[in-house]
N, C-alpha and C. Protein backbone atom coordinates (compact mmCIF):
# COMPACT_ATOMS: atom_id res chain seq x y z
N MET A 1 14.40 23.65 -16.66
CA MET A 1 14.44 24.13 -15.27
C MET A 1 15.89 24.49 -14.94
N ARG A 2 16.03 25.67 -14.35
CA ARG A 2 17.37 26.18 -13.98
C ARG A 2 17.40 26.57 -12.52
N ILE A 3 18.41 26.10 -11.79
CA ILE A 3 18.53 26.47 -10.38
C ILE A 3 18.93 27.93 -10.27
N LYS A 4 18.11 28.72 -9.55
CA LYS A 4 18.44 30.14 -9.36
C LYS A 4 19.25 30.32 -8.09
N SER A 5 18.88 29.58 -7.02
CA SER A 5 19.64 29.68 -5.78
C SER A 5 19.32 28.50 -4.88
N LYS A 6 20.26 28.19 -4.03
CA LYS A 6 20.10 27.19 -3.01
C LYS A 6 19.70 27.93 -1.73
N ILE A 7 18.47 27.68 -1.29
CA ILE A 7 17.89 28.40 -0.14
C ILE A 7 18.37 27.76 1.18
N ALA A 8 18.49 26.44 1.22
CA ALA A 8 18.87 25.79 2.45
C ALA A 8 19.67 24.53 2.15
N ASP A 9 20.54 24.20 3.07
CA ASP A 9 21.33 22.97 2.99
C ASP A 9 20.90 22.05 4.13
N LYS A 10 21.63 20.97 4.33
CA LYS A 10 21.30 19.98 5.37
C LYS A 10 21.25 20.60 6.76
N GLU A 11 22.24 21.42 7.11
CA GLU A 11 22.29 22.03 8.45
C GLU A 11 21.11 23.00 8.64
N THR A 12 20.77 23.78 7.65
CA THR A 12 19.65 24.73 7.75
C THR A 12 18.36 23.96 7.92
N LEU A 13 18.20 22.90 7.13
CA LEU A 13 16.98 22.09 7.22
C LEU A 13 16.84 21.48 8.63
N ASP A 14 17.95 21.03 9.20
CA ASP A 14 17.92 20.44 10.54
C ASP A 14 17.55 21.51 11.58
N ARG A 15 18.07 22.72 11.41
CA ARG A 15 17.73 23.81 12.36
C ARG A 15 16.24 24.14 12.26
N ILE A 16 15.72 24.19 11.05
CA ILE A 16 14.29 24.49 10.86
C ILE A 16 13.44 23.42 11.56
N ILE A 17 13.77 22.15 11.38
CA ILE A 17 13.00 21.09 11.99
C ILE A 17 13.09 21.10 13.50
N THR A 18 14.24 21.42 14.05
CA THR A 18 14.41 21.56 15.48
C THR A 18 13.57 22.71 16.02
N ARG A 19 13.58 23.84 15.35
CA ARG A 19 12.81 25.00 15.76
C ARG A 19 11.27 24.71 15.73
N ILE A 20 10.86 24.08 14.64
CA ILE A 20 9.43 23.75 14.53
C ILE A 20 8.97 22.76 15.58
N ALA A 21 9.81 21.76 15.84
CA ALA A 21 9.46 20.78 16.89
C ALA A 21 9.25 21.48 18.23
N HIS A 22 10.12 22.42 18.54
CA HIS A 22 9.96 23.17 19.79
C HIS A 22 8.68 24.03 19.75
N GLU A 23 8.38 24.66 18.63
CA GLU A 23 7.19 25.48 18.51
C GLU A 23 5.92 24.61 18.68
N ILE A 24 5.93 23.43 18.08
CA ILE A 24 4.78 22.53 18.21
C ILE A 24 4.53 22.16 19.67
N LEU A 25 5.62 21.78 20.34
CA LEU A 25 5.48 21.39 21.77
C LEU A 25 5.05 22.58 22.64
N GLU A 26 5.58 23.76 22.35
CA GLU A 26 5.22 24.93 23.13
C GLU A 26 3.74 25.26 22.93
N ARG A 27 3.32 25.33 21.70
CA ARG A 27 1.93 25.70 21.38
C ARG A 27 0.93 24.72 21.95
N ASN A 28 1.30 23.41 21.99
CA ASN A 28 0.38 22.37 22.43
C ASN A 28 0.64 21.95 23.88
N LYS A 29 1.47 22.72 24.57
CA LYS A 29 1.80 22.45 25.99
C LYS A 29 2.24 21.01 26.18
N GLY A 30 3.17 20.58 25.35
CA GLY A 30 3.68 19.23 25.39
C GLY A 30 3.14 18.34 24.28
N SER A 31 3.43 17.04 24.40
CA SER A 31 3.12 16.12 23.31
C SER A 31 1.94 15.18 23.63
N GLU A 32 1.33 15.36 24.77
CA GLU A 32 0.31 14.43 25.27
C GLU A 32 -0.80 14.10 24.31
N ASN A 33 -1.33 15.09 23.60
CA ASN A 33 -2.49 14.86 22.72
C ASN A 33 -2.11 14.94 21.23
N LEU A 34 -0.83 14.98 20.94
CA LEU A 34 -0.38 15.16 19.55
C LEU A 34 -0.37 13.87 18.73
N VAL A 35 -0.68 14.02 17.44
CA VAL A 35 -0.35 13.00 16.43
C VAL A 35 0.22 13.73 15.24
N LEU A 36 1.18 13.08 14.56
CA LEU A 36 1.83 13.67 13.37
C LEU A 36 1.33 12.90 12.17
N ILE A 37 0.98 13.67 11.10
CA ILE A 37 0.57 13.06 9.86
C ILE A 37 1.36 13.74 8.73
N GLY A 38 2.20 12.98 8.08
CA GLY A 38 2.99 13.47 6.97
C GLY A 38 2.33 13.17 5.64
N MET A 39 2.28 14.14 4.76
CA MET A 39 1.68 13.97 3.41
C MET A 39 2.73 13.42 2.48
N ARG A 40 2.39 12.36 1.73
CA ARG A 40 3.29 11.76 0.80
C ARG A 40 3.69 12.81 -0.25
N THR A 41 4.88 12.94 -0.67
CA THR A 41 6.00 12.09 -0.34
C THR A 41 6.93 12.77 0.63
N ARG A 42 7.35 13.96 0.38
CA ARG A 42 8.34 14.61 1.21
C ARG A 42 7.81 14.99 2.60
N GLY A 43 6.52 15.22 2.72
CA GLY A 43 5.90 15.46 4.02
C GLY A 43 6.06 14.27 4.92
N GLU A 44 6.04 13.08 4.34
CA GLU A 44 6.24 11.86 5.11
C GLU A 44 7.59 11.86 5.80
N PHE A 45 8.63 12.27 5.09
CA PHE A 45 9.98 12.26 5.64
C PHE A 45 10.17 13.41 6.62
N LEU A 46 9.55 14.55 6.34
CA LEU A 46 9.56 15.66 7.31
C LEU A 46 8.92 15.23 8.60
N ALA A 47 7.79 14.53 8.50
CA ALA A 47 7.07 14.06 9.71
C ALA A 47 7.90 13.11 10.53
N LYS A 48 8.64 12.24 9.86
CA LYS A 48 9.54 11.33 10.60
C LYS A 48 10.62 12.07 11.33
N ARG A 49 11.14 13.14 10.72
CA ARG A 49 12.18 13.95 11.37
C ARG A 49 11.61 14.72 12.53
N ILE A 50 10.41 15.29 12.38
CA ILE A 50 9.76 15.98 13.51
C ILE A 50 9.49 14.99 14.63
N PHE A 51 9.06 13.79 14.27
CA PHE A 51 8.84 12.73 15.26
C PHE A 51 10.12 12.47 16.08
N GLU A 52 11.25 12.36 15.40
CA GLU A 52 12.54 12.10 16.10
C GLU A 52 12.92 13.30 16.97
N LYS A 53 12.70 14.51 16.53
CA LYS A 53 13.06 15.70 17.35
C LYS A 53 12.18 15.77 18.58
N ILE A 54 10.87 15.51 18.42
CA ILE A 54 9.98 15.53 19.59
C ILE A 54 10.40 14.42 20.55
N LYS A 55 10.77 13.31 20.06
CA LYS A 55 11.22 12.21 20.89
C LYS A 55 12.47 12.61 21.68
N GLN A 56 13.43 13.30 21.03
CA GLN A 56 14.62 13.78 21.72
C GLN A 56 14.28 14.82 22.78
N ILE A 57 13.38 15.73 22.45
CA ILE A 57 13.04 16.84 23.33
C ILE A 57 12.17 16.40 24.50
N ASP A 58 11.13 15.65 24.20
CA ASP A 58 10.08 15.30 25.20
C ASP A 58 10.19 13.86 25.71
N ASN A 59 11.10 13.08 25.11
CA ASN A 59 11.26 11.66 25.47
C ASN A 59 9.96 10.86 25.32
N VAL A 60 9.18 11.20 24.26
CA VAL A 60 7.89 10.56 24.01
C VAL A 60 7.79 10.25 22.51
N GLU A 61 7.24 9.10 22.18
CA GLU A 61 6.97 8.77 20.79
C GLU A 61 5.51 9.07 20.50
N VAL A 62 5.25 10.15 19.76
CA VAL A 62 3.87 10.49 19.40
C VAL A 62 3.45 9.62 18.20
N PRO A 63 2.14 9.30 18.09
CA PRO A 63 1.72 8.57 16.92
C PRO A 63 2.09 9.26 15.61
N LEU A 64 2.53 8.48 14.64
CA LEU A 64 3.01 9.02 13.35
C LEU A 64 2.28 8.26 12.23
N GLY A 65 1.67 9.05 11.35
CA GLY A 65 0.95 8.44 10.21
C GLY A 65 1.34 9.12 8.91
N ILE A 66 0.98 8.42 7.81
CA ILE A 66 1.28 8.93 6.48
C ILE A 66 -0.05 9.05 5.69
N LEU A 67 -0.24 10.15 5.03
CA LEU A 67 -1.47 10.43 4.29
C LEU A 67 -1.20 10.60 2.81
N ASP A 68 -1.94 9.86 1.98
CA ASP A 68 -1.87 10.04 0.53
C ASP A 68 -3.20 10.72 0.12
N VAL A 69 -3.12 11.86 -0.50
CA VAL A 69 -4.30 12.65 -0.90
C VAL A 69 -4.63 12.58 -2.35
N THR A 70 -3.98 11.74 -3.12
CA THR A 70 -4.14 11.66 -4.56
C THR A 70 -5.60 11.62 -4.99
N LEU A 71 -6.38 10.71 -4.39
CA LEU A 71 -7.76 10.51 -4.81
C LEU A 71 -8.68 11.64 -4.31
N TYR A 72 -8.20 12.51 -3.45
CA TYR A 72 -9.00 13.61 -2.93
C TYR A 72 -8.73 14.92 -3.66
N ARG A 73 -7.79 14.94 -4.55
CA ARG A 73 -7.43 16.16 -5.27
C ARG A 73 -8.53 16.57 -6.22
N ASP A 74 -8.72 17.91 -6.37
CA ASP A 74 -9.74 18.37 -7.27
C ASP A 74 -9.26 18.34 -8.75
N ASP A 75 -8.00 18.07 -8.97
CA ASP A 75 -7.49 17.96 -10.34
C ASP A 75 -7.12 16.50 -10.67
N PHE A 76 -7.65 15.58 -9.91
CA PHE A 76 -7.32 14.16 -10.06
C PHE A 76 -7.53 13.66 -11.49
N ARG A 77 -8.64 14.03 -12.10
CA ARG A 77 -8.92 13.54 -13.45
C ARG A 77 -8.41 14.43 -14.55
N THR A 78 -8.20 15.73 -14.27
CA THR A 78 -7.85 16.64 -15.36
C THR A 78 -6.37 16.89 -15.50
N ARG A 79 -5.68 17.08 -14.38
CA ARG A 79 -4.28 17.47 -14.45
C ARG A 79 -3.31 16.29 -14.32
N LEU A 80 -3.66 15.35 -13.49
CA LEU A 80 -2.74 14.23 -13.25
C LEU A 80 -2.97 13.14 -14.27
N LYS A 81 -2.06 12.98 -15.16
CA LYS A 81 -2.21 12.00 -16.26
C LYS A 81 -2.25 10.59 -15.73
N GLN A 82 -1.20 10.12 -15.12
CA GLN A 82 -1.15 8.78 -14.53
C GLN A 82 -0.79 8.96 -13.06
N PRO A 83 -1.75 9.28 -12.23
CA PRO A 83 -1.46 9.53 -10.81
C PRO A 83 -0.93 8.27 -10.15
N GLU A 84 0.09 8.49 -9.32
CA GLU A 84 0.63 7.36 -8.52
C GLU A 84 -0.08 7.40 -7.20
N VAL A 85 -0.94 6.41 -6.98
CA VAL A 85 -1.74 6.36 -5.80
C VAL A 85 -1.03 5.43 -4.80
N SER A 86 -0.80 5.92 -3.60
CA SER A 86 -0.20 5.11 -2.54
C SER A 86 -1.27 4.94 -1.45
N VAL A 87 -0.93 4.16 -0.47
CA VAL A 87 -1.85 3.90 0.59
C VAL A 87 -1.52 4.80 1.79
N SER A 88 -2.56 5.38 2.37
CA SER A 88 -2.37 6.12 3.61
C SER A 88 -2.08 5.09 4.70
N ASP A 89 -1.27 5.48 5.66
CA ASP A 89 -0.88 4.61 6.75
C ASP A 89 -1.14 5.32 8.06
N ILE A 90 -2.39 5.29 8.52
CA ILE A 90 -2.77 5.87 9.79
C ILE A 90 -3.43 4.77 10.60
N THR A 91 -2.71 4.19 11.50
CA THR A 91 -3.17 3.00 12.24
C THR A 91 -3.70 3.31 13.64
N PHE A 92 -4.00 4.56 13.90
CA PHE A 92 -4.45 5.01 15.19
C PHE A 92 -5.65 5.96 14.97
N ASP A 93 -6.45 6.15 16.01
CA ASP A 93 -7.61 7.00 15.98
C ASP A 93 -7.16 8.47 16.13
N ILE A 94 -7.60 9.31 15.24
CA ILE A 94 -7.26 10.73 15.34
C ILE A 94 -8.36 11.55 16.00
N SER A 95 -9.45 10.91 16.36
CA SER A 95 -10.58 11.61 17.01
C SER A 95 -10.10 12.26 18.30
N ASP A 96 -10.47 13.53 18.47
CA ASP A 96 -10.15 14.32 19.67
C ASP A 96 -8.64 14.51 19.85
N LYS A 97 -7.84 14.31 18.84
CA LYS A 97 -6.40 14.54 18.91
C LYS A 97 -6.05 15.86 18.24
N ASP A 98 -4.88 16.40 18.57
CA ASP A 98 -4.38 17.57 17.93
C ASP A 98 -3.44 17.05 16.80
N VAL A 99 -3.92 17.12 15.61
CA VAL A 99 -3.18 16.61 14.44
C VAL A 99 -2.25 17.70 13.90
N ILE A 100 -0.99 17.31 13.75
CA ILE A 100 -0.04 18.17 13.05
C ILE A 100 0.10 17.60 11.65
N LEU A 101 -0.44 18.29 10.66
CA LEU A 101 -0.36 17.89 9.25
C LEU A 101 0.89 18.48 8.66
N ILE A 102 1.72 17.67 7.99
CA ILE A 102 3.04 18.11 7.57
C ILE A 102 3.23 17.92 6.08
N ASP A 103 3.71 19.00 5.41
CA ASP A 103 4.04 18.87 3.98
C ASP A 103 5.22 19.80 3.69
N ASP A 104 5.76 19.64 2.48
CA ASP A 104 7.00 20.38 2.17
C ASP A 104 6.71 21.79 1.65
N VAL A 105 5.83 21.98 0.66
CA VAL A 105 5.65 23.27 0.05
C VAL A 105 4.15 23.63 0.04
N LEU A 106 3.81 24.86 0.44
CA LEU A 106 2.46 25.36 0.35
C LEU A 106 2.43 26.37 -0.80
N TYR A 107 1.53 26.10 -1.75
CA TYR A 107 1.45 26.92 -2.94
C TYR A 107 0.01 27.42 -3.03
N THR A 108 -0.84 26.73 -3.81
CA THR A 108 -2.23 27.21 -3.99
C THR A 108 -3.14 26.89 -2.82
N GLY A 109 -2.81 25.88 -2.06
CA GLY A 109 -3.63 25.44 -0.93
C GLY A 109 -4.51 24.25 -1.29
N ARG A 110 -4.51 23.86 -2.56
CA ARG A 110 -5.41 22.79 -2.98
C ARG A 110 -5.03 21.38 -2.42
N THR A 111 -3.73 21.13 -2.29
CA THR A 111 -3.28 19.87 -1.71
C THR A 111 -3.67 19.77 -0.24
N VAL A 112 -3.54 20.89 0.46
CA VAL A 112 -3.94 20.92 1.88
C VAL A 112 -5.42 20.73 2.01
N ARG A 113 -6.22 21.34 1.12
CA ARG A 113 -7.66 21.14 1.14
C ARG A 113 -7.98 19.67 0.95
N ALA A 114 -7.31 19.03 0.05
CA ALA A 114 -7.52 17.58 -0.19
C ALA A 114 -7.15 16.79 1.08
N ALA A 115 -6.09 17.18 1.72
CA ALA A 115 -5.62 16.51 2.93
C ALA A 115 -6.69 16.65 4.05
N LEU A 116 -7.23 17.85 4.21
CA LEU A 116 -8.27 18.05 5.21
C LEU A 116 -9.46 17.14 4.97
N ASN A 117 -9.88 17.04 3.72
CA ASN A 117 -11.00 16.12 3.37
C ASN A 117 -10.63 14.70 3.72
N ALA A 118 -9.42 14.28 3.34
CA ALA A 118 -8.98 12.89 3.58
C ALA A 118 -8.93 12.59 5.08
N LEU A 119 -8.43 13.55 5.88
CA LEU A 119 -8.34 13.33 7.33
C LEU A 119 -9.68 13.07 7.95
N MET A 120 -10.72 13.72 7.45
CA MET A 120 -12.05 13.55 8.04
C MET A 120 -12.56 12.10 7.88
N ASP A 121 -12.02 11.35 6.92
CA ASP A 121 -12.36 9.95 6.79
C ASP A 121 -11.73 9.10 7.92
N PHE A 122 -10.79 9.67 8.63
CA PHE A 122 -10.11 8.91 9.72
C PHE A 122 -10.63 9.28 11.09
N GLY A 123 -11.50 10.28 11.19
CA GLY A 123 -12.03 10.69 12.49
C GLY A 123 -12.23 12.17 12.56
N ARG A 124 -12.58 12.65 13.75
CA ARG A 124 -12.83 14.07 13.96
C ARG A 124 -11.82 14.61 14.99
N PRO A 125 -10.71 15.16 14.51
CA PRO A 125 -9.67 15.67 15.44
C PRO A 125 -10.14 16.86 16.26
N ALA A 126 -9.51 17.07 17.40
CA ALA A 126 -9.78 18.27 18.19
C ALA A 126 -9.31 19.48 17.42
N SER A 127 -8.15 19.38 16.76
CA SER A 127 -7.66 20.48 15.94
C SER A 127 -6.72 19.89 14.88
N ILE A 128 -6.57 20.62 13.82
CA ILE A 128 -5.57 20.29 12.77
C ILE A 128 -4.70 21.52 12.60
N GLN A 129 -3.40 21.33 12.82
CA GLN A 129 -2.43 22.40 12.66
C GLN A 129 -1.52 22.01 11.48
N LEU A 130 -1.13 22.99 10.69
CA LEU A 130 -0.39 22.73 9.50
C LEU A 130 1.08 23.20 9.61
N PHE A 131 2.00 22.28 9.39
CA PHE A 131 3.41 22.63 9.27
C PHE A 131 3.85 22.49 7.82
N ILE A 132 4.37 23.59 7.28
CA ILE A 132 4.89 23.65 5.93
C ILE A 132 6.33 24.07 6.00
N LEU A 133 7.16 23.30 5.28
CA LEU A 133 8.59 23.66 5.25
C LEU A 133 8.79 25.00 4.53
N VAL A 134 8.16 25.15 3.37
CA VAL A 134 8.29 26.37 2.57
C VAL A 134 6.91 26.87 2.12
N ASP A 135 6.63 28.12 2.46
CA ASP A 135 5.43 28.80 1.94
C ASP A 135 5.89 29.72 0.81
N ARG A 136 5.43 29.41 -0.42
CA ARG A 136 5.89 30.15 -1.57
C ARG A 136 4.87 31.19 -2.06
N GLY A 137 3.72 31.27 -1.40
CA GLY A 137 2.69 32.27 -1.81
C GLY A 137 1.80 31.75 -2.91
N HIS A 138 1.01 32.65 -3.50
CA HIS A 138 0.12 32.37 -4.64
C HIS A 138 -1.10 31.52 -4.23
N ARG A 139 -1.64 31.73 -3.08
CA ARG A 139 -2.77 30.95 -2.62
C ARG A 139 -4.00 31.16 -3.45
N GLU A 140 -4.70 30.09 -3.72
CA GLU A 140 -6.02 30.14 -4.42
C GLU A 140 -7.16 29.82 -3.46
N LEU A 141 -6.81 29.27 -2.28
CA LEU A 141 -7.80 28.97 -1.24
C LEU A 141 -7.35 29.65 0.06
N PRO A 142 -8.32 29.92 0.96
CA PRO A 142 -7.93 30.60 2.18
C PRO A 142 -7.32 29.66 3.21
N ILE A 143 -6.11 29.26 2.93
CA ILE A 143 -5.39 28.28 3.81
C ILE A 143 -4.06 28.94 4.19
N ARG A 144 -3.72 28.81 5.47
CA ARG A 144 -2.43 29.30 5.94
C ARG A 144 -1.82 28.26 6.90
N ALA A 145 -0.52 28.27 6.95
CA ALA A 145 0.19 27.32 7.81
C ALA A 145 0.30 27.87 9.22
N ASP A 146 0.25 26.97 10.19
CA ASP A 146 0.46 27.38 11.62
C ASP A 146 1.96 27.45 11.91
N TYR A 147 2.73 26.59 11.25
CA TYR A 147 4.20 26.55 11.42
C TYR A 147 4.82 26.60 10.03
N VAL A 148 5.73 27.54 9.82
CA VAL A 148 6.40 27.71 8.53
C VAL A 148 7.89 27.71 8.74
N GLY A 149 8.58 26.81 7.99
CA GLY A 149 10.02 26.79 8.07
C GLY A 149 10.63 28.00 7.44
N LYS A 150 10.22 28.31 6.20
CA LYS A 150 10.72 29.50 5.47
C LYS A 150 9.60 30.06 4.57
N ASN A 151 9.48 31.35 4.53
CA ASN A 151 8.62 32.02 3.55
C ASN A 151 9.53 32.43 2.39
N ILE A 152 9.21 31.95 1.21
CA ILE A 152 10.02 32.24 0.03
C ILE A 152 9.04 32.70 -1.08
N PRO A 153 8.79 33.98 -1.19
CA PRO A 153 7.88 34.47 -2.25
C PRO A 153 8.50 34.12 -3.62
N THR A 154 7.66 33.62 -4.51
CA THR A 154 8.10 33.23 -5.84
C THR A 154 7.23 33.93 -6.90
N SER A 155 7.78 33.97 -8.11
CA SER A 155 6.98 34.41 -9.25
C SER A 155 6.33 33.18 -9.83
N GLN A 156 5.42 33.37 -10.78
CA GLN A 156 4.77 32.24 -11.43
C GLN A 156 5.72 31.42 -12.27
N SER A 157 6.86 32.02 -12.66
CA SER A 157 7.83 31.26 -13.48
C SER A 157 8.90 30.58 -12.56
N GLU A 158 8.69 30.65 -11.28
CA GLU A 158 9.64 30.02 -10.36
C GLU A 158 8.95 28.91 -9.59
N GLU A 159 9.73 28.02 -9.02
CA GLU A 159 9.23 26.93 -8.24
C GLU A 159 10.20 26.61 -7.12
N ILE A 160 9.69 26.01 -6.08
CA ILE A 160 10.55 25.54 -4.95
C ILE A 160 10.70 24.07 -5.13
N LYS A 161 11.94 23.58 -5.09
CA LYS A 161 12.25 22.15 -5.08
C LYS A 161 12.87 21.78 -3.76
N VAL A 162 12.14 20.94 -3.02
CA VAL A 162 12.68 20.44 -1.76
C VAL A 162 13.28 19.10 -2.04
N LYS A 163 14.51 18.93 -1.62
CA LYS A 163 15.21 17.67 -1.76
C LYS A 163 15.38 17.05 -0.36
N MET A 164 15.06 15.77 -0.26
CA MET A 164 15.20 15.06 1.00
C MET A 164 16.11 13.85 0.77
N GLU A 165 17.01 13.67 1.69
CA GLU A 165 18.00 12.58 1.61
C GLU A 165 17.34 11.24 1.28
N GLU A 166 16.20 10.99 1.88
CA GLU A 166 15.53 9.67 1.76
C GLU A 166 15.07 9.36 0.33
N VAL A 167 14.73 10.39 -0.45
CA VAL A 167 14.23 10.15 -1.80
C VAL A 167 15.10 10.79 -2.87
N ASP A 168 15.86 11.81 -2.51
CA ASP A 168 16.62 12.59 -3.50
C ASP A 168 18.15 12.48 -3.33
N GLY A 169 18.57 11.85 -2.24
CA GLY A 169 20.01 11.73 -2.00
C GLY A 169 20.68 12.97 -1.43
N GLU A 170 19.91 14.00 -1.13
CA GLU A 170 20.46 15.20 -0.48
C GLU A 170 19.38 15.94 0.22
N ASP A 171 19.75 16.75 1.23
CA ASP A 171 18.84 17.62 1.92
C ASP A 171 19.12 19.05 1.42
N ALA A 172 18.12 19.66 0.79
CA ALA A 172 18.32 21.01 0.28
C ALA A 172 16.96 21.60 -0.12
N ILE A 173 16.93 22.92 -0.22
CA ILE A 173 15.77 23.64 -0.79
C ILE A 173 16.35 24.54 -1.87
N TYR A 174 15.79 24.40 -3.09
CA TYR A 174 16.25 25.19 -4.20
C TYR A 174 15.08 26.06 -4.75
N LEU A 175 15.45 27.25 -5.20
CA LEU A 175 14.58 28.10 -5.99
C LEU A 175 15.00 27.87 -7.43
N VAL A 176 14.00 27.44 -8.26
CA VAL A 176 14.32 27.12 -9.65
C VAL A 176 13.47 27.96 -10.59
N GLU A 177 14.01 28.23 -11.77
CA GLU A 177 13.30 28.93 -12.82
C GLU A 177 12.76 27.91 -13.78
N LEU A 178 11.48 27.98 -14.06
CA LEU A 178 10.85 27.05 -15.01
C LEU A 178 11.05 27.56 -16.43
N ASP A 179 11.15 26.65 -17.36
CA ASP A 179 11.14 27.10 -18.77
C ASP A 179 9.68 27.21 -19.22
N ASN A 180 9.46 27.74 -20.39
CA ASN A 180 8.07 28.02 -20.85
C ASN A 180 7.19 26.80 -20.91
N GLU A 181 7.73 25.63 -21.30
CA GLU A 181 6.94 24.42 -21.37
C GLU A 181 6.50 23.94 -19.97
N GLU A 182 7.38 24.06 -19.00
CA GLU A 182 7.05 23.65 -17.64
C GLU A 182 6.01 24.57 -17.02
N GLU A 183 6.02 25.86 -17.39
CA GLU A 183 5.03 26.82 -16.84
C GLU A 183 3.64 26.46 -17.25
N LYS A 184 3.49 25.91 -18.48
CA LYS A 184 2.17 25.59 -19.07
C LYS A 184 1.52 24.39 -18.40
N LYS A 185 2.27 23.57 -17.69
CA LYS A 185 1.74 22.34 -17.10
C LYS A 185 0.83 22.62 -15.94
């Protein structure tokens, strides 16, 4: 894997999160009916940052949960050799709420499909809106994000790597070139 370019740094990431928090509040006419659900792993940290921005803007703490979709994936048995299964942490009712589902990269749409299935086990929301930090294209399912931090079209030999301070020690978005072995995975 070779880094082709650095798409965003810490300041750019912070500006994106601030912009999206404002868009979420504007579209939903405030935070009254909102809940935030971050998808493990980096979506979890993005959700916590959106939570903090909404708290700063609206002076309200919206419910925040974490969703693990590993067992809902359609490639659970075939592609994932030793899947790391974590526990979802949603301690509130999502029924009749406007759920903001948060993840780092949208690619084929399969992870989002798994998340939608998983969310239905927690209740029947009024709506589910999707925030994606980076949309890289190549959809296999008819899924689109309601809020997009950046659109970065990629080739099949490229990938987006999102780095978050909490797990990677830095905040950044990189466009990377895969080698032939990585493309086959």
